Amino acid sequence: MPRELHLSIALGGAGHRPAESLNAAHWTDLISLAEQGTLDFVTVGGSPAPPPDDSAGRFDAVAILARAAPLTTRIRLVPAVTTTHTEPFHTSTALTTLDHVSEGRAGWLVDVSSTEAEALAVGRRGVAPAAELWAEAADTTRTGSGRWP
């Protein structure tokens, strides 16, 4: 049986010209270009931590993809969303909204926040061990998908 090959691109960070990353057209142009190049999906990373000192700022991954959704027709839109400092309900509603505005093309790259800067940015708990973070991510994923053993 032949295997399918899926091609994607990961977009994240501010790149070489950080001010461009705060322009919605920058992101929509990149995502539209990926769609024109017949890629199957695009991922956009994110972090709750403030950007580095040399960066002009950062947008939320779900918001970027929600903006690009009506401007694209085929490419799947997959934000990296951390489960560490986000309540499962908020994650679920954000991803459901993205899925709705993209007409069923949303995905989810499950991520965790593992740095002190990310913990300080949201004013919540400190950094937990990796195993604890990923166990919590698994619980959140099951909650969001409605799948419990």
N, C-alpha and C. Protein backbone atom coordinates (compact mmCIF):
# COMPACT_ATOMS: atom_id res chain seq x y z
N MET A 1 0.84 -1.17 0.00
CA MET A 1 0.00 0.00 0.00
C MET A 1 0.90 1.24 0.00
N PRO A 2 0.64 2.18 -0.92
CA PRO A 2 1.46 3.40 -0.94
C PRO A 2 1.21 4.27 0.28
N ARG A 3 2.26 4.90 0.72
CA ARG A 3 2.16 5.81 1.87
C ARG A 3 2.06 7.24 1.36
N GLU A 4 1.28 8.04 2.05
CA GLU A 4 1.15 9.45 1.67
C GLU A 4 2.24 10.27 2.32
N LEU A 5 2.70 11.26 1.62
CA LEU A 5 3.68 12.20 2.14
C LEU A 5 2.97 13.53 2.34
N HIS A 6 3.04 14.07 3.54
CA HIS A 6 2.42 15.36 3.84
C HIS A 6 3.53 16.38 4.07
N LEU A 7 3.41 17.51 3.41
CA LEU A 7 4.41 18.57 3.52
C LEU A 7 3.83 19.75 4.28
N SER A 8 4.68 20.33 5.13
CA SER A 8 4.22 21.47 5.92
C SER A 8 5.39 22.42 6.14
N ILE A 9 5.06 23.55 6.73
CA ILE A 9 6.08 24.51 7.13
C ILE A 9 5.72 25.00 8.52
N ALA A 10 6.74 25.18 9.33
CA ALA A 10 6.55 25.71 10.67
C ALA A 10 6.95 27.18 10.66
N LEU A 11 6.03 28.04 11.03
CA LEU A 11 6.30 29.47 11.11
C LEU A 11 6.34 29.85 12.58
N GLY A 12 7.37 30.53 12.98
CA GLY A 12 7.46 30.94 14.38
C GLY A 12 8.59 31.91 14.56
N GLY A 13 8.56 32.60 15.66
CA GLY A 13 9.61 33.57 15.93
C GLY A 13 9.44 34.81 15.09
N ALA A 14 10.32 35.74 15.33
CA ALA A 14 10.22 37.03 14.65
C ALA A 14 11.02 37.08 13.36
N GLY A 15 11.89 36.12 13.13
CA GLY A 15 12.68 36.13 11.91
C GLY A 15 13.76 37.19 11.95
N HIS A 16 14.27 37.55 10.79
CA HIS A 16 15.36 38.52 10.70
C HIS A 16 14.87 39.96 10.80
N ARG A 17 13.60 40.19 10.49
CA ARG A 17 13.05 41.54 10.58
C ARG A 17 11.85 41.51 11.51
N PRO A 18 12.08 41.67 12.82
CA PRO A 18 11.01 41.47 13.79
C PRO A 18 9.81 42.37 13.63
N ALA A 19 9.98 43.59 13.15
CA ALA A 19 8.83 44.48 13.03
C ALA A 19 7.80 43.92 12.05
N GLU A 20 8.24 43.17 11.04
CA GLU A 20 7.32 42.57 10.07
C GLU A 20 6.35 41.60 10.74
N SER A 21 6.80 40.96 11.82
CA SER A 21 5.95 39.94 12.44
C SER A 21 4.73 40.54 13.13
N LEU A 22 4.69 41.85 13.29
CA LEU A 22 3.52 42.51 13.88
C LEU A 22 2.58 43.09 12.82
N ASN A 23 2.76 42.66 11.61
CA ASN A 23 1.91 43.07 10.50
C ASN A 23 1.11 41.85 10.06
N ALA A 24 -0.21 41.93 10.14
CA ALA A 24 -1.05 40.78 9.78
C ALA A 24 -0.78 40.31 8.35
N ALA A 25 -0.50 41.24 7.45
CA ALA A 25 -0.24 40.87 6.06
C ALA A 25 1.00 39.99 5.94
N HIS A 26 1.97 40.19 6.81
CA HIS A 26 3.17 39.35 6.80
C HIS A 26 2.78 37.89 6.97
N TRP A 27 1.95 37.62 7.97
CA TRP A 27 1.54 36.24 8.25
C TRP A 27 0.62 35.69 7.18
N THR A 28 -0.36 36.47 6.76
CA THR A 28 -1.28 35.97 5.74
C THR A 28 -0.58 35.74 4.42
N ASP A 29 0.40 36.57 4.09
CA ASP A 29 1.18 36.35 2.86
C ASP A 29 1.96 35.05 2.93
N LEU A 30 2.60 34.78 4.08
CA LEU A 30 3.36 33.54 4.24
C LEU A 30 2.45 32.32 4.14
N ILE A 31 1.31 32.38 4.79
CA ILE A 31 0.40 31.24 4.79
C ILE A 31 -0.22 31.04 3.40
N SER A 32 -0.55 32.12 2.73
CA SER A 32 -1.07 32.01 1.36
C SER A 32 -0.01 31.44 0.42
N LEU A 33 1.22 31.84 0.61
CA LEU A 33 2.31 31.30 -0.21
C LEU A 33 2.48 29.80 0.03
N ALA A 34 2.35 29.37 1.28
CA ALA A 34 2.43 27.94 1.60
C ALA A 34 1.29 27.19 0.91
N GLU A 35 0.11 27.79 0.90
CA GLU A 35 -1.03 27.15 0.22
C GLU A 35 -0.80 27.08 -1.28
N GLN A 36 -0.30 28.15 -1.87
CA GLN A 36 0.00 28.15 -3.30
C GLN A 36 1.06 27.12 -3.65
N GLY A 37 1.97 26.88 -2.71
CA GLY A 37 3.02 25.88 -2.91
C GLY A 37 2.54 24.47 -2.67
N THR A 38 1.26 24.28 -2.49
CA THR A 38 0.58 23.01 -2.28
C THR A 38 1.03 22.26 -1.02
N LEU A 39 1.47 23.01 -0.01
CA LEU A 39 1.76 22.36 1.27
C LEU A 39 0.45 21.92 1.89
N ASP A 40 0.52 20.89 2.71
CA ASP A 40 -0.69 20.35 3.32
C ASP A 40 -1.14 21.12 4.55
N PHE A 41 -0.18 21.59 5.35
CA PHE A 41 -0.54 22.36 6.52
C PHE A 41 0.60 23.28 6.93
N VAL A 42 0.23 24.26 7.75
CA VAL A 42 1.19 25.21 8.30
C VAL A 42 1.01 25.22 9.81
N THR A 43 2.13 25.24 10.53
CA THR A 43 2.07 25.39 11.97
C THR A 43 2.63 26.75 12.35
N VAL A 44 2.07 27.32 13.38
CA VAL A 44 2.55 28.59 13.90
C VAL A 44 2.81 28.40 15.39
N GLY A 45 4.04 28.69 15.79
CA GLY A 45 4.42 28.55 17.19
C GLY A 45 4.04 29.77 18.00
N GLY A 46 4.15 29.61 19.28
CA GLY A 46 3.83 30.72 20.16
C GLY A 46 4.39 30.47 21.54
N SER A 47 4.36 31.49 22.34
CA SER A 47 4.83 31.39 23.71
C SER A 47 4.19 32.52 24.50
N PRO A 48 3.82 32.24 25.76
CA PRO A 48 3.27 33.33 26.57
C PRO A 48 4.36 34.28 27.08
N ALA A 49 5.62 33.90 26.91
CA ALA A 49 6.72 34.74 27.41
C ALA A 49 6.88 35.98 26.53
N PRO A 50 7.35 37.07 27.12
CA PRO A 50 7.63 38.25 26.32
C PRO A 50 8.70 37.94 25.28
N PRO A 51 8.65 38.60 24.15
CA PRO A 51 9.66 38.36 23.11
C PRO A 51 11.03 38.82 23.58
N PRO A 52 12.08 38.35 22.91
CA PRO A 52 13.43 38.82 23.26
C PRO A 52 13.54 40.34 23.11
N ASP A 53 14.52 40.92 23.75
CA ASP A 53 14.69 42.38 23.72
C ASP A 53 14.81 42.94 22.31
N ASP A 54 15.32 42.15 21.38
CA ASP A 54 15.51 42.65 20.02
C ASP A 54 14.27 42.46 19.14
N SER A 55 13.15 42.04 19.73
CA SER A 55 11.95 41.78 18.96
C SER A 55 10.91 42.86 19.21
N ALA A 56 10.10 43.11 18.20
CA ALA A 56 9.06 44.13 18.32
C ALA A 56 7.81 43.61 19.01
N GLY A 57 7.68 42.31 19.18
CA GLY A 57 6.50 41.75 19.82
C GLY A 57 6.12 40.42 19.22
N ARG A 58 4.94 39.94 19.61
CA ARG A 58 4.52 38.61 19.16
C ARG A 58 3.00 38.54 19.15
N PHE A 59 2.45 37.89 18.13
CA PHE A 59 1.01 37.63 18.07
C PHE A 59 0.73 36.23 18.59
N ASP A 60 -0.51 35.97 18.94
CA ASP A 60 -0.97 34.66 19.37
C ASP A 60 -1.13 33.76 18.13
N ALA A 61 -0.69 32.51 18.23
CA ALA A 61 -0.73 31.59 17.09
C ALA A 61 -2.17 31.35 16.60
N VAL A 62 -3.11 31.16 17.51
CA VAL A 62 -4.49 30.93 17.09
C VAL A 62 -5.04 32.16 16.38
N ALA A 63 -4.74 33.34 16.88
CA ALA A 63 -5.22 34.58 16.25
C ALA A 63 -4.64 34.75 14.85
N ILE A 64 -3.38 34.45 14.69
CA ILE A 64 -2.75 34.55 13.36
C ILE A 64 -3.49 33.65 12.37
N LEU A 65 -3.72 32.41 12.77
CA LEU A 65 -4.35 31.47 11.86
C LEU A 65 -5.83 31.78 11.63
N ALA A 66 -6.50 32.32 12.65
CA ALA A 66 -7.89 32.74 12.46
C ALA A 66 -7.98 33.88 11.45
N ARG A 67 -6.98 34.75 11.45
CA ARG A 67 -6.93 35.84 10.47
C ARG A 67 -6.70 35.30 9.06
N ALA A 68 -5.87 34.26 8.95
CA ALA A 68 -5.53 33.70 7.63
C ALA A 68 -6.64 32.78 7.10
N ALA A 69 -7.46 32.23 7.98
CA ALA A 69 -8.47 31.24 7.57
C ALA A 69 -9.36 31.69 6.42
N PRO A 70 -9.97 32.88 6.49
CA PRO A 70 -10.86 33.26 5.38
C PRO A 70 -10.12 33.63 4.09
N LEU A 71 -8.81 33.76 4.17
CA LEU A 71 -8.03 34.11 2.99
C LEU A 71 -7.44 32.88 2.30
N THR A 72 -7.68 31.71 2.88
CA THR A 72 -7.18 30.46 2.32
C THR A 72 -8.36 29.51 2.15
N THR A 73 -8.15 28.46 1.36
CA THR A 73 -9.26 27.55 1.10
C THR A 73 -8.93 26.08 1.35
N ARG A 74 -7.67 25.71 1.34
CA ARG A 74 -7.31 24.31 1.38
C ARG A 74 -6.34 23.95 2.49
N ILE A 75 -5.37 24.78 2.72
CA ILE A 75 -4.29 24.44 3.66
C ILE A 75 -4.83 24.31 5.08
N ARG A 76 -4.35 23.31 5.79
CA ARG A 76 -4.75 23.11 7.18
C ARG A 76 -3.95 24.05 8.08
N LEU A 77 -4.59 24.53 9.13
CA LEU A 77 -4.02 25.56 10.00
C LEU A 77 -3.83 24.98 11.40
N VAL A 78 -2.56 24.88 11.84
CA VAL A 78 -2.23 24.16 13.06
C VAL A 78 -1.42 25.05 14.01
N PRO A 79 -2.06 25.65 15.00
CA PRO A 79 -1.32 26.46 15.97
C PRO A 79 -0.70 25.58 17.06
N ALA A 80 0.44 26.01 17.56
CA ALA A 80 1.01 25.40 18.77
C ALA A 80 0.35 26.12 19.94
N VAL A 81 -0.34 25.37 20.77
CA VAL A 81 -1.04 25.94 21.92
C VAL A 81 -0.57 25.23 23.18
N THR A 82 -0.04 26.00 24.10
CA THR A 82 0.43 25.42 25.35
C THR A 82 -0.73 25.11 26.27
N THR A 83 -0.61 24.00 26.97
CA THR A 83 -1.64 23.60 27.93
C THR A 83 -1.26 23.95 29.36
N THR A 84 -0.06 24.42 29.57
CA THR A 84 0.46 24.60 30.92
C THR A 84 -0.24 25.69 31.71
N HIS A 85 -0.45 26.84 31.14
CA HIS A 85 -1.04 27.96 31.86
C HIS A 85 -2.39 28.36 31.27
N THR A 86 -2.99 27.47 30.50
CA THR A 86 -4.26 27.76 29.85
C THR A 86 -5.28 26.74 30.32
N GLU A 87 -6.43 27.20 30.70
CA GLU A 87 -7.49 26.28 31.12
C GLU A 87 -7.98 25.49 29.92
N PRO A 88 -8.32 24.21 30.10
CA PRO A 88 -8.79 23.39 28.98
C PRO A 88 -9.98 24.02 28.24
N PHE A 89 -10.88 24.67 28.98
CA PHE A 89 -12.03 25.30 28.34
C PHE A 89 -11.59 26.37 27.34
N HIS A 90 -10.62 27.20 27.73
CA HIS A 90 -10.16 28.27 26.84
C HIS A 90 -9.45 27.69 25.61
N THR A 91 -8.64 26.67 25.82
CA THR A 91 -7.98 26.02 24.69
C THR A 91 -9.03 25.44 23.74
N SER A 92 -9.99 24.75 24.29
CA SER A 92 -11.03 24.13 23.49
C SER A 92 -11.85 25.14 22.69
N THR A 93 -12.25 26.24 23.33
CA THR A 93 -13.06 27.23 22.60
C THR A 93 -12.24 27.95 21.54
N ALA A 94 -10.98 28.23 21.82
CA ALA A 94 -10.14 28.89 20.81
C ALA A 94 -9.96 28.00 19.59
N LEU A 95 -9.69 26.71 19.82
CA LEU A 95 -9.49 25.79 18.69
C LEU A 95 -10.79 25.50 17.95
N THR A 96 -11.90 25.45 18.68
CA THR A 96 -13.19 25.26 18.04
C THR A 96 -13.53 26.46 17.15
N THR A 97 -13.23 27.64 17.63
CA THR A 97 -13.46 28.85 16.83
C THR A 97 -12.60 28.82 15.57
N LEU A 98 -11.32 28.47 15.71
CA LEU A 98 -10.45 28.36 14.54
C LEU A 98 -10.99 27.32 13.57
N ASP A 99 -11.45 26.19 14.07
CA ASP A 99 -11.99 25.16 13.20
C ASP A 99 -13.22 25.66 12.46
N HIS A 100 -14.05 26.45 13.15
CA HIS A 100 -15.25 27.00 12.52
C HIS A 100 -14.90 28.00 11.42
N VAL A 101 -14.03 28.97 11.72
CA VAL A 101 -13.72 30.00 10.72
C VAL A 101 -12.89 29.45 9.57
N SER A 102 -12.22 28.32 9.78
CA SER A 102 -11.44 27.70 8.69
C SER A 102 -12.24 26.62 7.97
N GLU A 103 -13.49 26.46 8.36
CA GLU A 103 -14.38 25.46 7.76
C GLU A 103 -13.79 24.05 7.85
N GLY A 104 -13.33 23.71 9.06
CA GLY A 104 -12.87 22.36 9.32
C GLY A 104 -11.40 22.07 9.04
N ARG A 105 -10.59 23.11 8.90
CA ARG A 105 -9.18 22.90 8.56
C ARG A 105 -8.23 23.10 9.73
N ALA A 106 -8.74 23.20 10.95
CA ALA A 106 -7.88 23.47 12.11
C ALA A 106 -7.30 22.19 12.69
N GLY A 107 -6.12 22.32 13.23
CA GLY A 107 -5.47 21.25 13.97
C GLY A 107 -4.95 21.81 15.27
N TRP A 108 -4.15 21.02 15.98
CA TRP A 108 -3.59 21.48 17.25
C TRP A 108 -2.26 20.80 17.47
N LEU A 109 -1.23 21.60 17.59
CA LEU A 109 0.09 21.12 17.97
C LEU A 109 0.18 21.35 19.48
N VAL A 110 0.03 20.29 20.25
CA VAL A 110 0.03 20.40 21.71
C VAL A 110 1.42 20.76 22.18
N ASP A 111 1.50 21.76 23.06
CA ASP A 111 2.78 22.23 23.56
C ASP A 111 2.67 22.47 25.07
N VAL A 112 3.82 22.58 25.72
CA VAL A 112 3.86 22.92 27.13
C VAL A 112 4.80 24.10 27.33
N SER A 113 4.59 24.82 28.41
CA SER A 113 5.45 25.94 28.78
C SER A 113 6.43 25.45 29.83
N SER A 114 7.71 25.46 29.50
CA SER A 114 8.69 24.87 30.40
C SER A 114 9.78 25.83 30.85
N THR A 115 9.55 27.12 30.66
CA THR A 115 10.57 28.08 31.08
C THR A 115 10.03 29.00 32.18
N GLU A 116 10.93 29.52 32.96
CA GLU A 116 10.56 30.46 34.01
C GLU A 116 9.95 31.73 33.41
N ALA A 117 10.46 32.18 32.27
CA ALA A 117 9.92 33.38 31.62
C ALA A 117 8.46 33.20 31.26
N GLU A 118 8.09 32.01 30.78
CA GLU A 118 6.69 31.76 30.43
C GLU A 118 5.81 31.74 31.68
N ALA A 119 6.31 31.14 32.75
CA ALA A 119 5.55 31.10 34.00
C ALA A 119 5.34 32.51 34.55
N LEU A 120 6.39 33.32 34.52
CA LEU A 120 6.28 34.70 35.01
C LEU A 120 5.35 35.53 34.15
N ALA A 121 5.32 35.27 32.85
CA ALA A 121 4.49 36.07 31.94
C ALA A 121 3.02 35.97 32.24
N VAL A 122 2.58 34.82 32.74
CA VAL A 122 1.16 34.65 33.03
C VAL A 122 0.85 34.78 34.51
N GLY A 123 1.89 34.94 35.34
CA GLY A 123 1.69 35.17 36.77
C GLY A 123 1.08 33.99 37.49
N ARG A 124 1.39 32.80 37.04
CA ARG A 124 0.82 31.62 37.68
C ARG A 124 1.91 30.83 38.36
N ARG A 125 1.84 29.56 38.31
CA ARG A 125 2.79 28.71 39.02
C ARG A 125 4.17 28.71 38.35
N GLY A 126 5.14 28.23 39.09
CA GLY A 126 6.49 28.11 38.55
C GLY A 126 6.60 26.93 37.60
N VAL A 127 7.79 26.68 37.13
CA VAL A 127 8.04 25.62 36.18
C VAL A 127 7.97 24.27 36.88
N ALA A 128 7.24 23.36 36.28
CA ALA A 128 7.11 22.00 36.81
C ALA A 128 8.03 21.07 36.02
N PRO A 129 8.30 19.88 36.54
CA PRO A 129 9.10 18.91 35.79
C PRO A 129 8.42 18.54 34.47
N ALA A 130 9.20 18.21 33.47
CA ALA A 130 8.68 17.92 32.12
C ALA A 130 7.62 16.82 32.15
N ALA A 131 7.85 15.76 32.91
CA ALA A 131 6.89 14.66 32.95
C ALA A 131 5.52 15.14 33.45
N GLU A 132 5.53 16.02 34.44
CA GLU A 132 4.27 16.57 34.97
C GLU A 132 3.58 17.45 33.92
N LEU A 133 4.36 18.26 33.21
CA LEU A 133 3.79 19.13 32.18
C LEU A 133 3.12 18.32 31.07
N TRP A 134 3.80 17.26 30.62
CA TRP A 134 3.25 16.46 29.52
C TRP A 134 2.07 15.60 29.98
N ALA A 135 2.06 15.19 31.24
CA ALA A 135 0.89 14.47 31.77
C ALA A 135 -0.32 15.39 31.80
N GLU A 136 -0.10 16.62 32.22
CA GLU A 136 -1.18 17.61 32.21
C GLU A 136 -1.65 17.89 30.78
N ALA A 137 -0.72 17.95 29.85
CA ALA A 137 -1.08 18.16 28.44
C ALA A 137 -1.94 17.01 27.93
N ALA A 138 -1.60 15.79 28.32
CA ALA A 138 -2.41 14.63 27.91
C ALA A 138 -3.82 14.73 28.48
N ASP A 139 -3.95 15.15 29.74
CA ASP A 139 -5.27 15.33 30.34
C ASP A 139 -6.08 16.39 29.60
N THR A 140 -5.43 17.49 29.28
CA THR A 140 -6.10 18.57 28.57
C THR A 140 -6.53 18.11 27.18
N THR A 141 -5.68 17.36 26.52
CA THR A 141 -6.02 16.85 25.19
C THR A 141 -7.21 15.92 25.25
N ARG A 142 -7.24 15.05 26.25
CA ARG A 142 -8.39 14.15 26.40
C ARG A 142 -9.66 14.95 26.70
N THR A 143 -9.54 15.97 27.54
CA THR A 143 -10.69 16.81 27.87
C THR A 143 -11.22 17.50 26.61
N GLY A 144 -10.30 18.08 25.83
CA GLY A 144 -10.69 18.80 24.63
C GLY A 144 -11.31 17.90 23.57
N SER A 145 -10.89 16.65 23.52
CA SER A 145 -11.40 15.74 22.51
C SER A 145 -12.58 14.90 23.00
N GLY A 146 -12.86 15.00 24.32
CA GLY A 146 -13.96 14.23 24.88
C GLY A 146 -13.62 12.76 25.06
N ARG A 147 -12.32 12.42 25.08
CA ARG A 147 -11.90 11.02 25.17
C ARG A 147 -11.24 10.74 26.51
N TRP A 148 -11.91 10.01 27.32
CA TRP A 148 -11.33 9.57 28.60
C TRP A 148 -11.40 8.06 28.63
N PRO A 149 -10.35 7.42 29.18
CA PRO A 149 -10.36 5.95 29.22
C PRO A 149 -11.50 5.39 30.03
